[in-house]
Amino acid sequence: MRERLAPPRVGMRMVKTAVAVFLCFAIDAFRGGGIPFYSAIAAVLCLQPSWQSSTQKARERTVATFLGGLAGMLVLAAERSWFPSIPALGWYALVAACLIPLLSLTVVLKKPGSAYLSCVVFMSVTVSHGGDENPYLFAFNRIVDTLIGILVALAVGGIRLPRRGGDCLLAADLEGQLAPGGALSPAVRVRLTRLCERGTPLAVCTALSPSVALGRLAGVPLTAPLAVLGGAVVCTQTGDDVLWSAPLTPEGERAARSLLDGVGAAGFCYFLDREGLQISYGPSLRPGEEALRRATRALPHRHYRFSPGGARGEGAVLGWLALLPEKQAEAVRQGADGEVRADGYPSGEPGERWVWLHSPAAGYGPALAEIARRLGSPASAPFWPPDGLTGERAVRALEKRVFGGR
């Protein structure tokens, strides 16, 4: 017999998207003069699984619309004043050339996510509507329509309906619970995706850096910031922005460096500066450390800096990561007290362990408290899967907490 396929589940994000699109059309019916298509598109793009990702998309869309629309109006004004008889091919060459400064401007403003949409809006104004009697009116309405769609998406996306599990923040350890084998299984990925698409606030905790953790979670629509580097940093779901951090004190920096110098270790120094998370390393990396650097240097948010004098921080130092023989790793862990703490992690290589030296103020407890504060979670403590549950069993425990016995 042919197996019957279960009907697809209608998630809350689908319902909210439909409501937002209808509201965009309804607003235009009263407003008149606009093009509701652009409002609806903006609403669909900005309605993301979480408030953080929705606001990020909204910022990108707003910047892109203003940049593309204003640039289009400026180029049209220049063309009508200085090149009124320019041939079609020359006009297209001018429009194409203007994309270079427009894209450069998104880089200068540190808004690379707005680059594509800026070009779309710019060419919509200059090419598709450049021959209109009043293309400036179209550009103005395009900006207004997009802003309407963004505001509608944020308003609808901000509506929080009660769930059976309340608004409790869920938490799970990436390495120890969700992906103990180093990668998410297909079943875990499907269940996590379904859980997040329903708007459930799930904070993933990991000892990994943002780039490595997000690589393992690729495709999962995360609904809460991540606690990375053992809880020393809280970052957005995309890893682009640091929301909170617990750096070492100057005394803690000296203590951590002294512990590593005592065992002849080099390692990596993780620190924050105005450009975000940076990683400093010196000339004496162990083979395993060098392999890690080579394997991850091209990842996003993985910015290595070579320091001839050894790994040193140039901003707020989050900690040092070093690969050590097990006896030396244990010695460092035993010697860490006061202003510095040391956590050990398996390396996958026999006889060696990773050691992460960090501030006592760092940890999953403080990081999750910050995430709960940002999400407005009323629960006093996040819900973790019970000890001993890993993989699909761990995710099922999270589902049961939210949806009851289903």
Protein backbone atom coordinates (compact mmCIF):
# COMPACT_ATOMS: atom_id res chain seq x y z
CA MET A 1 0.00 0.00 0.00
CA ARG A 2 1.14 3.51 -0.74
CA GLU A 3 2.10 5.37 2.41
CA ARG A 4 -0.16 8.31 3.14
CA LEU A 5 1.66 11.60 3.46
CA ALA A 6 0.85 13.65 6.53
CA PRO A 7 -0.58 17.09 5.72
CA PRO A 8 1.94 19.89 6.21
CA ARG A 9 1.70 21.79 9.47
CA VAL A 10 0.64 25.41 9.25
CA GLY A 11 3.07 27.31 11.45
CA MET A 12 2.42 30.63 13.17
CA ARG A 13 4.95 32.33 10.92
CA MET A 14 2.87 31.34 7.87
CA VAL A 15 -0.28 32.77 9.46
CA LYS A 16 1.47 36.00 10.46
CA THR A 17 2.89 36.40 6.95
CA ALA A 18 -0.56 36.12 5.40
CA VAL A 19 -1.98 38.61 7.92
CA ALA A 20 0.85 41.08 7.29
CA VAL A 21 0.39 40.93 3.51
CA PHE A 22 -3.36 41.50 3.85
CA LEU A 23 -2.76 44.51 6.11
CA CYS A 24 -0.36 45.99 3.54
CA PHE A 25 -3.06 45.75 0.86
CA ALA A 26 -5.66 47.16 3.25
CA ILE A 27 -3.47 50.14 4.14
CA ASP A 28 -2.91 50.91 0.47
CA ALA A 29 -6.66 50.78 -0.17
CA PHE A 30 -7.07 53.70 2.25
CA ARG A 31 -3.82 55.45 1.36
CA GLY A 32 -3.97 55.30 -2.42
CA GLY A 33 -1.22 56.30 -4.82
CA GLY A 34 1.23 53.63 -3.75
CA ILE A 35 2.19 50.21 -5.05
CA PRO A 36 1.16 47.67 -2.38
CA PHE A 37 3.29 44.99 -4.05
CA TYR A 38 6.41 46.56 -2.53
CA SER A 39 4.82 46.77 0.92
CA ALA A 40 3.84 43.10 0.73
CA ILE A 41 7.31 42.02 -0.40
CA ALA A 42 8.93 43.96 2.45
CA ALA A 43 6.54 42.36 4.94
CA VAL A 44 7.30 38.85 3.69
CA LEU A 45 11.07 39.42 3.85
CA CYS A 46 11.00 41.01 7.31
CA LEU A 47 8.76 38.43 9.00
CA GLN A 48 11.47 36.13 10.30
CA PRO A 49 11.26 33.31 12.88
CA SER A 50 12.47 35.58 15.71
CA TRP A 51 12.22 39.21 16.71
CA GLN A 52 15.99 39.67 16.47
CA SER A 53 16.21 38.36 12.91
CA SER A 54 13.10 40.35 11.94
CA THR A 55 14.59 43.61 13.20
CA GLN A 56 17.87 42.83 11.44
CA LYS A 57 16.07 42.25 8.14
CA ALA A 58 14.07 45.42 8.74
CA ARG A 59 17.25 47.45 9.21
CA GLU A 60 18.82 45.96 6.09
CA ARG A 61 15.68 46.59 4.03
CA THR A 62 15.33 50.17 5.31
CA VAL A 63 18.96 51.05 4.57
CA ALA A 64 18.77 49.41 1.14
CA THR A 65 15.58 51.23 0.19
CA PHE A 66 16.86 54.65 1.22
CA LEU A 67 20.26 54.15 -0.42
CA GLY A 68 18.87 52.75 -3.67
CA GLY A 69 15.97 55.18 -3.88
CA LEU A 70 17.99 58.32 -3.13
CA ALA A 71 20.84 57.23 -5.40
CA GLY A 72 18.35 56.56 -8.19
CA MET A 73 16.82 60.02 -7.83
CA LEU A 74 20.26 61.67 -7.85
CA VAL A 75 21.33 59.83 -11.01
CA LEU A 76 18.06 60.66 -12.76
CA ALA A 77 18.45 64.33 -11.82
CA ALA A 78 22.02 64.33 -13.17
CA GLU A 79 20.93 62.62 -16.39
CA ARG A 80 18.11 65.09 -17.06
CA SER A 81 20.32 68.11 -16.27
CA TRP A 82 23.58 67.14 -17.95
CA PHE A 83 22.85 64.27 -20.37
CA PRO A 84 19.31 64.86 -21.68
CA SER A 85 20.11 63.28 -25.08
CA ILE A 86 22.24 60.36 -23.92
CA PRO A 87 21.72 57.23 -26.09
CA ALA A 88 20.19 54.13 -24.49
CA LEU A 89 23.44 52.18 -24.44
CA GLY A 90 25.27 55.09 -22.83
CA TRP A 91 22.52 55.40 -20.21
CA TYR A 92 22.80 51.72 -19.34
CA ALA A 93 26.59 52.08 -19.06
CA LEU A 94 26.11 55.00 -16.67
CA VAL A 95 23.63 53.05 -14.54
CA ALA A 96 26.00 50.05 -14.38
CA ALA A 97 28.96 52.27 -13.44
CA CYS A 98 26.94 53.88 -10.63
CA LEU A 99 26.55 50.47 -8.99
CA ILE A 100 30.21 50.58 -7.98
CA PRO A 101 29.96 53.61 -5.65
CA LEU A 102 26.58 52.36 -4.40
CA LEU A 103 28.05 48.98 -3.40
CA SER A 104 31.09 50.72 -1.94
CA LEU A 105 28.81 52.84 0.21
CA THR A 106 27.21 49.75 1.77
CA VAL A 107 30.72 48.55 2.67
CA VAL A 108 31.66 51.90 4.20
CA LEU A 109 28.45 51.91 6.23
CA LYS A 110 29.15 48.29 7.27
CA LYS A 111 25.81 47.17 5.85
CA PRO A 112 26.82 44.40 3.41
CA GLY A 113 23.43 42.75 3.84
CA SER A 114 21.85 45.78 2.18
CA ALA A 115 24.04 45.66 -0.94
CA TYR A 116 21.82 43.44 -3.10
CA LEU A 117 18.56 45.22 -2.27
CA SER A 118 20.16 48.65 -2.75
CA CYS A 119 21.04 47.70 -6.30
CA VAL A 120 17.55 46.32 -6.94
CA VAL A 121 15.87 49.53 -5.76
CA PHE A 122 18.39 51.69 -7.65
CA MET A 123 17.81 49.89 -10.96
CA SER A 124 14.06 49.81 -10.39
CA VAL A 125 14.09 53.61 -10.17
CA THR A 126 16.58 54.32 -12.95
CA VAL A 127 15.83 51.58 -15.49
CA SER A 128 12.27 50.39 -14.98
CA HIS A 129 10.82 53.83 -14.25
CA GLY A 130 13.46 56.20 -15.61
CA GLY A 131 11.22 57.07 -18.53
CA ASP A 132 8.20 57.95 -16.35
CA GLU A 133 6.89 61.48 -16.46
CA ASN A 134 7.69 61.81 -12.76
CA PRO A 135 10.11 59.04 -11.70
CA TYR A 136 10.85 60.91 -8.47
CA LEU A 137 7.30 60.28 -7.32
CA PHE A 138 7.77 56.56 -7.95
CA ALA A 139 11.02 56.57 -5.94
CA PHE A 140 9.31 58.39 -3.08
CA ASN A 141 6.37 55.99 -3.09
CA ARG A 142 8.72 53.01 -3.29
CA ILE A 143 10.42 54.18 -0.09
CA VAL A 144 7.10 54.81 1.67
CA ASP A 145 5.62 51.48 0.53
CA THR A 146 8.66 49.59 1.78
CA LEU A 147 8.58 51.35 5.15
CA ILE A 148 4.88 50.48 5.49
CA GLY A 149 5.64 46.81 4.84
CA ILE A 150 8.50 46.83 7.36
CA LEU A 151 6.40 48.45 10.08
CA VAL A 152 3.52 46.05 9.46
CA ALA A 153 5.89 43.06 9.62
CA LEU A 154 7.38 44.24 12.91
CA ALA A 155 3.94 44.92 14.37
CA VAL A 156 2.52 41.53 13.37
CA GLY A 157 5.75 39.69 14.21
CA GLY A 158 5.75 41.24 17.67
CA ILE A 159 2.40 39.63 18.54
CA ARG A 160 3.09 36.78 20.93
CA LEU A 161 0.38 34.21 21.37
CA PRO A 162 0.36 32.03 24.50
CA ARG A 163 1.82 28.54 24.14
CA ARG A 164 1.18 25.50 26.28
CA GLY A 165 4.71 25.73 27.59
CA GLY A 166 4.41 29.45 28.32
CA ASP A 167 7.23 31.79 27.44
CA CYS A 168 9.95 29.76 29.11
CA LEU A 169 13.33 30.08 27.47
CA LEU A 170 14.65 26.73 26.23
CA ALA A 171 18.38 26.01 26.32
CA ALA A 172 20.51 23.20 24.93
CA ASP A 173 24.21 22.42 24.74
CA LEU A 174 25.27 22.04 21.11
CA GLU A 175 28.18 19.66 21.67
CA GLY A 176 26.85 17.73 24.66
CA GLN A 177 23.15 17.40 23.79
CA LEU A 178 22.18 18.40 20.27
CA ALA A 179 25.21 17.20 18.30
CA PRO A 180 27.38 14.99 20.51
CA GLY A 181 28.91 13.42 17.42
CA GLY A 182 30.05 16.77 16.04
CA ALA A 183 27.16 17.29 13.58
CA LEU A 184 23.39 17.53 13.82
CA SER A 185 21.64 14.38 12.69
CA PRO A 186 18.92 14.84 10.03
CA ALA A 187 16.22 13.98 12.58
CA VAL A 188 17.52 16.53 15.09
CA ARG A 189 17.78 19.20 12.39
CA VAL A 190 14.17 18.60 11.30
CA ARG A 191 12.84 18.71 14.86
CA LEU A 192 14.83 21.82 15.76
CA THR A 193 13.62 23.57 12.62
CA ARG A 194 10.01 22.71 13.38
CA LEU A 195 10.40 23.87 16.98
CA CYS A 196 11.95 27.19 15.99
CA GLU A 197 9.48 27.86 13.18
CA ARG A 198 6.74 27.92 15.82
CA GLY A 199 8.49 30.84 17.49
CA THR A 200 9.78 28.92 20.49
CA PRO A 201 12.69 30.82 22.12
CA LEU A 202 15.63 28.39 21.99
CA ALA A 203 19.09 29.50 23.09
CA VAL A 204 21.89 27.25 21.87
CA CYS A 205 24.93 27.14 24.17
CA THR A 206 28.33 26.14 22.87
CA ALA A 207 32.03 26.28 23.62
CA LEU A 208 32.63 26.95 19.93
CA SER A 209 33.10 30.29 18.22
CA PRO A 210 30.10 31.84 16.39
CA SER A 211 31.31 30.84 12.93
CA VAL A 212 31.86 27.16 13.76
CA ALA A 213 28.63 26.88 15.76
CA LEU A 214 26.54 28.53 13.04
CA GLY A 215 28.09 26.22 10.47
CA ARG A 216 26.79 23.22 12.39
CA LEU A 217 23.38 24.86 12.85
CA ALA A 218 23.06 25.91 9.19
CA GLY A 219 19.44 25.82 8.04
CA VAL A 220 17.92 25.95 11.53
CA PRO A 221 15.90 29.22 11.91
CA LEU A 222 17.28 30.16 15.33
CA THR A 223 14.87 32.12 17.53
CA ALA A 224 17.21 33.45 20.22
CA PRO A 225 20.76 34.74 20.53
CA LEU A 226 23.54 32.20 21.05
CA ALA A 227 25.77 31.76 24.09
CA VAL A 228 29.18 31.04 22.52
CA LEU A 229 32.75 30.57 23.72
CA GLY A 230 31.53 28.80 26.84
CA GLY A 231 29.22 31.65 27.76
CA ALA A 232 31.80 34.43 27.44
CA VAL A 233 29.82 36.01 24.59
CA VAL A 234 26.17 36.36 23.60
CA CYS A 235 25.81 37.03 19.88
CA THR A 236 22.95 37.40 17.43
CA GLN A 237 21.62 34.43 15.49
CA THR A 238 23.67 35.48 12.50
CA GLY A 239 26.86 35.97 14.50
CA ASP A 240 27.25 39.51 13.15
CA ASP A 241 26.84 41.40 16.42
CA VAL A 242 27.98 40.84 20.00
CA LEU A 243 25.15 41.61 22.42
CA TRP A 244 26.93 40.88 25.70
CA SER A 245 30.34 39.71 26.84
CA ALA A 246 32.26 38.88 30.03
CA PRO A 247 35.91 39.83 29.39
CA LEU A 248 38.81 39.10 31.67
CA THR A 249 40.01 41.76 34.07
CA PRO A 250 43.62 42.99 33.62
CA GLU A 251 44.59 40.75 36.54
CA GLY A 252 42.80 37.83 34.91
CA GLU A 253 44.65 38.44 31.64
CA ARG A 254 48.00 38.34 33.43
CA ALA A 255 47.01 35.21 35.37
CA ALA A 256 45.86 33.39 32.23
CA ARG A 257 48.98 34.31 30.29
CA SER A 258 51.17 33.25 33.24
CA LEU A 259 49.48 29.84 33.40
CA LEU A 260 50.09 29.22 29.69
CA ASP A 261 53.66 30.54 29.84
CA GLY A 262 54.28 28.14 32.72
CA VAL A 263 53.61 25.13 30.47
CA GLY A 264 55.19 26.67 27.36
CA ALA A 265 51.86 27.04 25.54
CA ALA A 266 51.06 29.56 22.82
CA GLY A 267 47.43 29.19 21.87
CA PHE A 268 44.93 31.76 20.65
CA CYS A 269 43.77 34.96 22.32
CA TYR A 270 40.12 35.85 21.71
CA PHE A 271 39.27 39.54 22.10
CA LEU A 272 36.76 42.15 21.04
CA ASP A 273 37.56 45.41 19.32
CA ARG A 274 35.52 47.84 17.25
CA GLU A 275 35.48 45.37 14.34
CA GLY A 276 34.02 42.56 16.45
CA LEU A 277 35.50 39.23 17.53
CA GLN A 278 39.20 38.85 16.74
CA ILE A 279 41.67 36.00 17.30
CA SER A 280 45.36 36.64 17.86
CA TYR A 281 48.01 33.95 17.48
CA GLY A 282 51.79 33.79 17.65
CA PRO A 283 54.53 31.91 15.79
CA SER A 284 54.62 28.84 18.07
CA LEU A 285 51.34 27.06 17.44
CA ARG A 286 51.13 23.33 18.08
CA PRO A 287 50.24 21.18 15.03
CA GLY A 288 46.66 20.77 16.22
CA GLU A 289 46.29 24.51 16.76
CA GLU A 290 47.68 25.29 13.34
CA ALA A 291 45.28 22.74 11.81
CA LEU A 292 42.37 24.51 13.53
CA ARG A 293 43.50 27.90 12.22
CA ARG A 294 43.88 26.64 8.66
CA ALA A 295 40.51 24.89 8.74
CA THR A 296 38.58 27.89 10.05
CA ARG A 297 40.42 31.00 8.88
CA ALA A 298 38.07 31.52 5.91
CA LEU A 299 34.87 31.22 7.95
CA PRO A 300 32.74 34.32 8.60
CA HIS A 301 33.36 36.06 11.94
CA ARG A 302 36.70 34.25 12.19
CA HIS A 303 39.28 37.02 11.99
CA TYR A 304 42.81 35.88 12.78
CA ARG A 305 45.66 38.29 13.49
CA PHE A 306 49.28 37.22 13.58
CA SER A 307 51.29 38.62 16.50
CA PRO A 308 55.07 38.05 16.36
CA GLY A 309 55.33 38.40 20.12
CA GLY A 310 52.69 35.76 20.84
CA ALA A 311 48.92 35.79 21.21
CA ARG A 312 47.89 39.11 22.73
CA GLY A 313 44.59 40.96 22.92
CA GLU A 314 44.20 44.51 21.67
CA GLY A 315 40.76 45.13 23.16
CA ALA A 316 38.50 43.43 25.68
CA VAL A 317 40.13 40.02 26.13
CA LEU A 318 37.62 37.18 26.40
CA GLY A 319 40.12 34.38 27.02
CA TRP A 320 42.82 32.08 25.68
CA LEU A 321 42.34 28.74 23.93
CA ALA A 322 45.25 26.30 23.91
CA LEU A 323 45.78 22.65 22.95
CA LEU A 324 47.82 20.89 25.63
CA PRO A 325 48.94 17.41 26.63
CA GLU A 326 46.53 16.05 29.21
CA LYS A 327 48.94 16.45 32.18
CA GLN A 328 49.66 20.06 31.29
CA ALA A 329 45.98 20.74 30.67
CA GLU A 330 45.15 19.40 34.12
CA ALA A 331 47.92 21.50 35.68
CA VAL A 332 46.51 24.63 34.07
CA ARG A 333 43.01 23.77 35.24
CA GLN A 334 44.21 23.19 38.79
CA GLY A 335 46.18 26.44 38.80
CA ALA A 336 43.27 28.59 37.62
CA ASP A 337 41.56 30.45 40.46
CA GLY A 338 40.61 33.95 41.50
CA GLU A 339 40.43 36.12 38.38
CA VAL A 340 40.57 33.30 35.83
CA ARG A 341 38.79 29.99 35.26
CA ALA A 342 39.77 27.07 33.02
CA ASP A 343 37.50 24.62 31.19
CA GLY A 344 38.70 21.49 29.42
CA TYR A 345 37.29 20.04 26.20
CA PRO A 346 38.17 16.90 24.24
CA SER A 347 40.30 17.48 21.17
CA GLY A 348 39.72 14.28 19.25
CA GLU A 349 43.46 13.57 19.47
CA PRO A 350 44.75 10.98 21.96
CA GLY A 351 46.61 12.49 24.90
CA GLU A 352 45.61 16.11 24.19
CA ARG A 353 42.86 18.45 25.41
CA TRP A 354 41.70 21.94 24.62
CA VAL A 355 41.80 24.35 27.55
CA TRP A 356 39.73 27.55 27.55
CA LEU A 357 40.83 30.21 30.06
CA HIS A 358 38.13 32.80 30.73
CA SER A 359 36.62 35.19 33.26
CA PRO A 360 34.72 33.82 36.29
CA ALA A 361 31.88 36.15 35.19
CA ALA A 362 31.48 34.11 31.98
CA GLY A 363 29.33 31.01 31.78
CA TYR A 364 26.04 29.73 30.49
CA GLY A 365 24.18 30.96 33.58
CA PRO A 366 24.99 34.67 33.12
CA ALA A 367 24.74 34.39 29.33
CA LEU A 368 21.27 32.81 29.46
CA ALA A 369 20.13 35.41 32.00
CA GLU A 370 21.10 38.09 29.48
CA ILE A 371 19.32 36.26 26.65
CA ALA A 372 16.18 35.87 28.77
CA ARG A 373 16.28 39.58 29.63
CA ARG A 374 16.52 40.53 25.97
CA LEU A 375 13.67 38.22 25.01
CA GLY A 376 11.50 39.32 27.90
CA SER A 377 11.17 35.76 29.22
CA PRO A 378 9.32 35.80 32.58
CA ALA A 379 10.64 32.41 33.69
CA SER A 380 13.21 32.45 36.47
CA ALA A 381 15.37 29.77 34.83
CA PRO A 382 15.64 28.31 31.32
CA PHE A 383 14.52 24.77 30.62
CA TRP A 384 17.29 22.30 29.66
CA PRO A 385 16.82 18.74 28.42
CA PRO A 386 17.31 16.34 31.35
CA ASP A 387 20.82 15.03 31.91
CA GLY A 388 21.73 12.01 29.84
CA LEU A 389 19.45 12.83 26.91
CA THR A 390 21.24 13.55 23.64
CA GLY A 391 20.36 13.94 19.99
CA GLU A 392 16.73 13.39 19.04
CA ARG A 393 15.78 12.43 22.62
CA ALA A 394 17.01 15.80 23.88
CA VAL A 395 14.96 17.70 21.29
CA ARG A 396 11.88 15.61 22.11
CA ALA A 397 12.23 16.72 25.73
CA LEU A 398 12.21 20.34 24.56
CA GLU A 399 9.14 19.69 22.41
CA LYS A 400 7.33 18.08 25.33
CA ARG A 401 8.07 21.13 27.49
CA VAL A 402 6.45 23.40 24.91
CA PHE A 403 3.68 21.28 23.42
CA GLY A 404 2.85 18.98 26.32
CA GLY A 405 2.51 15.25 25.70
CA ARG A 406 2.35 15.47 21.90
